[in-house]
Amino acid sequence: MKKHILTALKIVAVIIMLQTLFYKFSAAEESVALFTKLAGENEAYLRIGTGVLELIASILLFIPKTIWFGALMTIGLMSGAILGHFTKLGINHNNDGGLLFGAAVFIFLVSLSILYGERRNIPIIGKKIG
């Protein structure tokens, strides 16, 4: 039962990440504005780079041998998003009611749970911490 709930949460987290890719890759006005606040004139590099990394992490979360790495990547990406909200964007960015921030926190927590569940599969240290 626990595994099914975690799988469902993983699917929701990945859907959220993949849904944002359209905005990042199409240079949607909202996405450009957000990444401009974070990176200034280099927004396109951060926006596209983040999108590519989120796509890779989403794929890795569904390959059995790389689930742990996808979760670790996602934790890193969402840590950056959360930090960006705390430092430059604010929780309520663009009057979204904290939706983007909440999504980042949700995905971060789901990824932590996935990494914990996959801890035995982490190369080198997995057998020692399992």
N, C-alpha and C. Protein backbone atom coordinates (compact mmCIF):
# COMPACT_ATOMS: atom_id res chain seq x y z
N MET A 1 0.82 -1.19 0.00
CA MET A 1 0.00 0.00 0.00
C MET A 1 0.86 1.26 0.00
N LYS A 2 1.89 1.30 0.88
CA LYS A 2 2.78 2.46 0.94
C LYS A 2 3.43 2.72 -0.41
N LYS A 3 3.85 1.65 -1.08
CA LYS A 3 4.53 1.79 -2.36
C LYS A 3 3.60 2.41 -3.41
N HIS A 4 2.33 2.04 -3.36
CA HIS A 4 1.37 2.58 -4.32
C HIS A 4 1.13 4.08 -4.08
N ILE A 5 1.08 4.46 -2.83
CA ILE A 5 0.88 5.88 -2.50
C ILE A 5 2.09 6.69 -2.96
N LEU A 6 3.29 6.17 -2.70
CA LEU A 6 4.51 6.86 -3.11
C LEU A 6 4.59 6.95 -4.64
N THR A 7 4.19 5.90 -5.32
CA THR A 7 4.18 5.92 -6.78
C THR A 7 3.20 6.97 -7.30
N ALA A 8 2.03 7.05 -6.69
CA ALA A 8 1.03 8.05 -7.09
C ALA A 8 1.56 9.47 -6.85
N LEU A 9 2.20 9.68 -5.70
CA LEU A 9 2.78 10.99 -5.42
C LEU A 9 3.89 11.33 -6.40
N LYS A 10 4.69 10.32 -6.75
CA LYS A 10 5.76 10.52 -7.73
C LYS A 10 5.18 10.93 -9.07
N ILE A 11 4.12 10.29 -9.49
CA ILE A 11 3.48 10.62 -10.76
C ILE A 11 2.97 12.06 -10.74
N VAL A 12 2.34 12.46 -9.64
CA VAL A 12 1.84 13.83 -9.53
C VAL A 12 3.00 14.83 -9.59
N ALA A 13 4.08 14.55 -8.87
CA ALA A 13 5.25 15.44 -8.86
C ALA A 13 5.84 15.56 -10.26
N VAL A 14 5.96 14.45 -10.96
CA VAL A 14 6.52 14.48 -12.32
C VAL A 14 5.58 15.22 -13.27
N ILE A 15 4.30 15.03 -13.14
CA ILE A 15 3.35 15.76 -13.99
C ILE A 15 3.50 17.26 -13.78
N ILE A 16 3.64 17.68 -12.52
CA ILE A 16 3.83 19.11 -12.24
C ILE A 16 5.11 19.61 -12.91
N MET A 17 6.21 18.85 -12.76
CA MET A 17 7.47 19.29 -13.39
C MET A 17 7.36 19.33 -14.90
N LEU A 18 6.77 18.30 -15.49
CA LEU A 18 6.65 18.26 -16.94
C LEU A 18 5.72 19.35 -17.47
N GLN A 19 4.69 19.66 -16.72
CA GLN A 19 3.74 20.70 -17.14
C GLN A 19 4.43 22.05 -17.23
N THR A 20 5.39 22.31 -16.35
CA THR A 20 6.08 23.61 -16.39
C THR A 20 7.06 23.71 -17.55
N LEU A 21 7.42 22.58 -18.15
CA LEU A 21 8.39 22.61 -19.25
C LEU A 21 7.86 23.38 -20.45
N PHE A 22 6.58 23.29 -20.72
CA PHE A 22 6.00 24.03 -21.84
C PHE A 22 6.30 25.52 -21.69
N TYR A 23 6.10 26.03 -20.49
CA TYR A 23 6.33 27.46 -20.23
C TYR A 23 7.81 27.82 -20.33
N LYS A 24 8.66 26.94 -19.82
CA LYS A 24 10.09 27.21 -19.88
C LYS A 24 10.61 27.16 -21.32
N PHE A 25 10.26 26.13 -22.05
CA PHE A 25 10.80 25.94 -23.40
C PHE A 25 10.17 26.86 -24.45
N SER A 26 8.94 27.33 -24.19
CA SER A 26 8.28 28.21 -25.16
C SER A 26 8.53 29.69 -24.86
N ALA A 27 9.33 29.96 -23.84
CA ALA A 27 9.63 31.33 -23.43
C ALA A 27 8.35 32.11 -23.12
N ALA A 28 7.45 31.45 -22.41
CA ALA A 28 6.21 32.11 -22.01
C ALA A 28 6.56 33.33 -21.16
N GLU A 29 5.77 34.36 -21.30
CA GLU A 29 6.03 35.64 -20.64
C GLU A 29 6.25 35.48 -19.13
N GLU A 30 5.40 34.65 -18.49
CA GLU A 30 5.52 34.44 -17.04
C GLU A 30 6.84 33.79 -16.68
N SER A 31 7.25 32.82 -17.47
CA SER A 31 8.49 32.11 -17.21
C SER A 31 9.69 33.01 -17.42
N VAL A 32 9.68 33.78 -18.49
CA VAL A 32 10.77 34.71 -18.77
C VAL A 32 10.88 35.73 -17.64
N ALA A 33 9.75 36.26 -17.18
CA ALA A 33 9.76 37.24 -16.09
C ALA A 33 10.34 36.63 -14.81
N LEU A 34 9.92 35.42 -14.49
CA LEU A 34 10.41 34.75 -13.29
C LEU A 34 11.92 34.55 -13.36
N PHE A 35 12.40 34.00 -14.45
CA PHE A 35 13.83 33.71 -14.56
C PHE A 35 14.67 34.98 -14.74
N THR A 36 14.05 36.04 -15.25
CA THR A 36 14.76 37.33 -15.32
C THR A 36 15.01 37.87 -13.92
N LYS A 37 14.03 37.69 -13.01
CA LYS A 37 14.23 38.10 -11.62
C LYS A 37 15.38 37.32 -10.99
N LEU A 38 15.52 36.07 -11.39
CA LEU A 38 16.56 35.21 -10.80
C LEU A 38 17.93 35.41 -11.44
N ALA A 39 17.97 35.58 -12.77
CA ALA A 39 19.26 35.55 -13.47
C ALA A 39 19.54 36.78 -14.33
N GLY A 40 18.66 37.74 -14.32
CA GLY A 40 18.88 38.94 -15.13
C GLY A 40 18.91 38.61 -16.60
N GLU A 41 19.87 39.19 -17.31
CA GLU A 41 19.95 39.01 -18.76
C GLU A 41 20.31 37.59 -19.17
N ASN A 42 20.72 36.77 -18.23
CA ASN A 42 21.04 35.37 -18.53
C ASN A 42 19.86 34.44 -18.27
N GLU A 43 18.67 34.98 -18.21
CA GLU A 43 17.49 34.18 -17.86
C GLU A 43 17.30 32.98 -18.77
N ALA A 44 17.58 33.12 -20.05
CA ALA A 44 17.33 32.02 -20.99
C ALA A 44 18.19 30.80 -20.64
N TYR A 45 19.42 31.03 -20.24
CA TYR A 45 20.29 29.91 -19.88
C TYR A 45 19.75 29.17 -18.66
N LEU A 46 19.34 29.93 -17.65
CA LEU A 46 18.80 29.31 -16.44
C LEU A 46 17.46 28.65 -16.72
N ARG A 47 16.61 29.31 -17.49
CA ARG A 47 15.27 28.78 -17.80
C ARG A 47 15.35 27.48 -18.59
N ILE A 48 16.13 27.49 -19.67
CA ILE A 48 16.26 26.29 -20.50
C ILE A 48 17.04 25.21 -19.76
N GLY A 49 18.11 25.60 -19.09
CA GLY A 49 18.92 24.62 -18.34
C GLY A 49 18.11 23.93 -17.26
N THR A 50 17.32 24.71 -16.53
CA THR A 50 16.46 24.13 -15.49
C THR A 50 15.45 23.17 -16.12
N GLY A 51 14.87 23.57 -17.23
CA GLY A 51 13.90 22.72 -17.92
C GLY A 51 14.51 21.41 -18.37
N VAL A 52 15.71 21.47 -18.93
CA VAL A 52 16.39 20.24 -19.39
C VAL A 52 16.66 19.33 -18.19
N LEU A 53 17.16 19.91 -17.10
CA LEU A 53 17.46 19.10 -15.91
C LEU A 53 16.19 18.50 -15.30
N GLU A 54 15.09 19.25 -15.30
CA GLU A 54 13.83 18.72 -14.79
C GLU A 54 13.31 17.58 -15.68
N LEU A 55 13.50 17.71 -16.97
CA LEU A 55 13.09 16.64 -17.89
C LEU A 55 13.92 15.38 -17.63
N ILE A 56 15.21 15.53 -17.48
CA ILE A 56 16.09 14.39 -17.20
C ILE A 56 15.71 13.75 -15.87
N ALA A 57 15.52 14.56 -14.83
CA ALA A 57 15.15 14.03 -13.51
C ALA A 57 13.83 13.28 -13.59
N SER A 58 12.86 13.81 -14.33
CA SER A 58 11.55 13.16 -14.47
C SER A 58 11.68 11.78 -15.11
N ILE A 59 12.53 11.68 -16.11
CA ILE A 59 12.76 10.40 -16.78
C ILE A 59 13.45 9.43 -15.83
N LEU A 60 14.48 9.90 -15.13
CA LEU A 60 15.23 9.04 -14.22
C LEU A 60 14.36 8.48 -13.09
N LEU A 61 13.34 9.22 -12.69
CA LEU A 61 12.46 8.77 -11.62
C LEU A 61 11.65 7.53 -12.01
N PHE A 62 11.62 7.20 -13.30
CA PHE A 62 10.85 6.03 -13.73
C PHE A 62 11.70 4.90 -14.29
N ILE A 63 13.01 5.04 -14.20
CA ILE A 63 13.92 3.95 -14.58
C ILE A 63 14.38 3.29 -13.29
N PRO A 64 14.03 2.02 -13.07
CA PRO A 64 14.28 1.40 -11.77
C PRO A 64 15.69 1.60 -11.19
N LYS A 65 16.72 1.49 -11.98
CA LYS A 65 18.08 1.62 -11.44
C LYS A 65 18.49 3.06 -11.17
N THR A 66 17.72 4.03 -11.67
CA THR A 66 18.11 5.43 -11.51
C THR A 66 17.10 6.25 -10.71
N ILE A 67 16.13 5.60 -10.11
CA ILE A 67 15.13 6.33 -9.34
C ILE A 67 15.80 7.18 -8.27
N TRP A 68 16.76 6.61 -7.57
CA TRP A 68 17.45 7.35 -6.50
C TRP A 68 18.12 8.61 -7.04
N PHE A 69 18.73 8.51 -8.23
CA PHE A 69 19.43 9.66 -8.79
C PHE A 69 18.44 10.72 -9.28
N GLY A 70 17.33 10.27 -9.85
CA GLY A 70 16.28 11.21 -10.25
C GLY A 70 15.73 11.96 -9.04
N ALA A 71 15.55 11.24 -7.93
CA ALA A 71 15.07 11.87 -6.70
C ALA A 71 16.10 12.87 -6.18
N LEU A 72 17.37 12.50 -6.21
CA LEU A 72 18.43 13.39 -5.75
C LEU A 72 18.51 14.65 -6.63
N MET A 73 18.42 14.47 -7.94
CA MET A 73 18.41 15.63 -8.84
C MET A 73 17.22 16.54 -8.55
N THR A 74 16.07 15.94 -8.35
CA THR A 74 14.86 16.71 -8.10
C THR A 74 14.97 17.47 -6.79
N ILE A 75 15.54 16.85 -5.77
CA ILE A 75 15.76 17.54 -4.50
C ILE A 75 16.64 18.78 -4.73
N GLY A 76 17.69 18.62 -5.50
CA GLY A 76 18.56 19.76 -5.80
C GLY A 76 17.84 20.85 -6.57
N LEU A 77 17.10 20.47 -7.58
CA LEU A 77 16.36 21.45 -8.38
C LEU A 77 15.32 22.19 -7.55
N MET A 78 14.58 21.46 -6.75
CA MET A 78 13.54 22.09 -5.94
C MET A 78 14.15 22.91 -4.80
N SER A 79 15.32 22.51 -4.31
CA SER A 79 16.01 23.34 -3.31
C SER A 79 16.34 24.69 -3.92
N GLY A 80 16.80 24.68 -5.16
CA GLY A 80 17.07 25.94 -5.86
C GLY A 80 15.82 26.77 -6.04
N ALA A 81 14.72 26.12 -6.39
CA ALA A 81 13.45 26.84 -6.58
C ALA A 81 12.98 27.46 -5.26
N ILE A 82 13.05 26.68 -4.20
CA ILE A 82 12.62 27.17 -2.88
C ILE A 82 13.51 28.34 -2.44
N LEU A 83 14.81 28.19 -2.62
CA LEU A 83 15.74 29.26 -2.27
C LEU A 83 15.47 30.52 -3.10
N GLY A 84 15.17 30.33 -4.39
CA GLY A 84 14.83 31.46 -5.24
C GLY A 84 13.59 32.20 -4.75
N HIS A 85 12.61 31.44 -4.26
CA HIS A 85 11.41 32.07 -3.72
C HIS A 85 11.72 32.83 -2.44
N PHE A 86 12.57 32.26 -1.59
CA PHE A 86 12.91 32.93 -0.33
C PHE A 86 13.75 34.18 -0.55
N THR A 87 14.59 34.18 -1.57
CA THR A 87 15.54 35.28 -1.72
C THR A 87 15.13 36.36 -2.72
N LYS A 88 14.54 35.97 -3.85
CA LYS A 88 14.28 36.96 -4.90
C LYS A 88 12.83 37.04 -5.37
N LEU A 89 12.13 35.94 -5.33
CA LEU A 89 10.79 35.91 -5.92
C LEU A 89 9.68 36.21 -4.94
N GLY A 90 9.86 35.78 -3.71
CA GLY A 90 8.79 35.85 -2.73
C GLY A 90 7.91 34.62 -2.82
N ILE A 91 7.21 34.34 -1.75
CA ILE A 91 6.33 33.17 -1.71
C ILE A 91 5.18 33.34 -2.69
N ASN A 92 4.60 34.53 -2.71
CA ASN A 92 3.45 34.83 -3.56
C ASN A 92 3.94 35.54 -4.83
N HIS A 93 4.59 34.80 -5.69
CA HIS A 93 5.15 35.38 -6.91
C HIS A 93 4.05 35.65 -7.92
N ASN A 94 4.04 36.88 -8.43
CA ASN A 94 3.10 37.25 -9.50
C ASN A 94 1.64 37.01 -9.09
N ASN A 95 1.35 37.21 -7.81
CA ASN A 95 0.00 37.03 -7.27
C ASN A 95 -0.56 35.63 -7.54
N ASP A 96 0.30 34.62 -7.43
CA ASP A 96 -0.16 33.25 -7.67
C ASP A 96 -0.65 32.56 -6.40
N GLY A 97 -0.70 33.30 -5.29
CA GLY A 97 -1.16 32.71 -4.04
C GLY A 97 -0.19 31.69 -3.47
N GLY A 98 1.05 31.73 -3.89
CA GLY A 98 2.05 30.78 -3.40
C GLY A 98 2.03 29.44 -4.11
N LEU A 99 1.33 29.37 -5.24
CA LEU A 99 1.19 28.11 -5.96
C LEU A 99 2.52 27.53 -6.42
N LEU A 100 3.37 28.34 -7.04
CA LEU A 100 4.67 27.84 -7.51
C LEU A 100 5.54 27.40 -6.34
N PHE A 101 5.55 28.20 -5.28
CA PHE A 101 6.32 27.85 -4.09
C PHE A 101 5.80 26.55 -3.49
N GLY A 102 4.49 26.45 -3.36
CA GLY A 102 3.88 25.23 -2.80
C GLY A 102 4.19 24.00 -3.63
N ALA A 103 4.16 24.16 -4.95
CA ALA A 103 4.49 23.04 -5.83
C ALA A 103 5.93 22.60 -5.63
N ALA A 104 6.84 23.58 -5.49
CA ALA A 104 8.26 23.25 -5.27
C ALA A 104 8.44 22.51 -3.95
N VAL A 105 7.77 22.95 -2.90
CA VAL A 105 7.86 22.29 -1.60
C VAL A 105 7.28 20.88 -1.68
N PHE A 106 6.13 20.73 -2.33
CA PHE A 106 5.51 19.41 -2.49
C PHE A 106 6.45 18.45 -3.22
N ILE A 107 7.00 18.90 -4.34
CA ILE A 107 7.89 18.04 -5.13
C ILE A 107 9.15 17.72 -4.33
N PHE A 108 9.67 18.68 -3.58
CA PHE A 108 10.84 18.47 -2.72
C PHE A 108 10.55 17.37 -1.70
N LEU A 109 9.41 17.45 -1.02
CA LEU A 109 9.07 16.46 0.01
C LEU A 109 8.83 15.07 -0.59
N VAL A 110 8.16 15.03 -1.73
CA VAL A 110 7.95 13.74 -2.40
C VAL A 110 9.30 13.13 -2.79
N SER A 111 10.19 13.95 -3.30
CA SER A 111 11.51 13.46 -3.72
C SER A 111 12.33 12.97 -2.53
N LEU A 112 12.23 13.67 -1.41
CA LEU A 112 12.90 13.18 -0.18
C LEU A 112 12.37 11.81 0.20
N SER A 113 11.06 11.64 0.13
CA SER A 113 10.45 10.34 0.46
C SER A 113 10.91 9.25 -0.50
N ILE A 114 10.98 9.59 -1.78
CA ILE A 114 11.44 8.62 -2.79
C ILE A 114 12.89 8.25 -2.52
N LEU A 115 13.73 9.24 -2.26
CA LEU A 115 15.15 8.96 -2.00
C LEU A 115 15.30 8.09 -0.76
N TYR A 116 14.53 8.37 0.28
CA TYR A 116 14.57 7.54 1.48
C TYR A 116 14.17 6.11 1.15
N GLY A 117 13.12 5.94 0.37
CA GLY A 117 12.66 4.61 -0.01
C GLY A 117 13.65 3.86 -0.90
N GLU A 118 14.46 4.61 -1.65
CA GLU A 118 15.43 4.01 -2.57
C GLU A 118 16.84 3.99 -2.00
N ARG A 119 17.00 4.33 -0.73
CA ARG A 119 18.34 4.48 -0.15
C ARG A 119 19.21 3.25 -0.29
N ARG A 120 18.63 2.07 -0.29
CA ARG A 120 19.42 0.83 -0.42
C ARG A 120 19.99 0.65 -1.82
N ASN A 121 19.42 1.36 -2.79
CA ASN A 121 19.86 1.22 -4.18
C ASN A 121 20.92 2.23 -4.60
N ILE A 122 21.32 3.11 -3.67
CA ILE A 122 22.34 4.10 -3.98
C ILE A 122 23.69 3.38 -4.05
N PRO A 123 24.39 3.50 -5.16
CA PRO A 123 25.68 2.81 -5.28
C PRO A 123 26.65 3.22 -4.17
N ILE A 124 27.48 2.29 -3.78
CA ILE A 124 28.54 2.42 -2.78
C ILE A 124 28.00 2.55 -1.37
N ILE A 125 27.14 3.52 -1.10
CA ILE A 125 26.68 3.74 0.28
C ILE A 125 25.36 3.07 0.61
N GLY A 126 24.64 2.61 -0.39
CA GLY A 126 23.31 2.05 -0.18
C GLY A 126 23.26 0.87 0.76
N LYS A 127 24.18 -0.04 0.62
CA LYS A 127 24.19 -1.24 1.47
C LYS A 127 24.56 -0.89 2.90
N LYS A 128 25.33 0.17 3.06
CA LYS A 128 25.79 0.57 4.41
C LYS A 128 24.71 1.31 5.19
N ILE A 129 23.85 2.05 4.47
CA ILE A 129 22.84 2.85 5.17
C ILE A 129 21.48 2.16 5.20
N GLY A 130 21.31 1.08 4.44
CA GLY A 130 20.03 0.41 4.32
C GLY A 130 19.57 -0.18 5.58
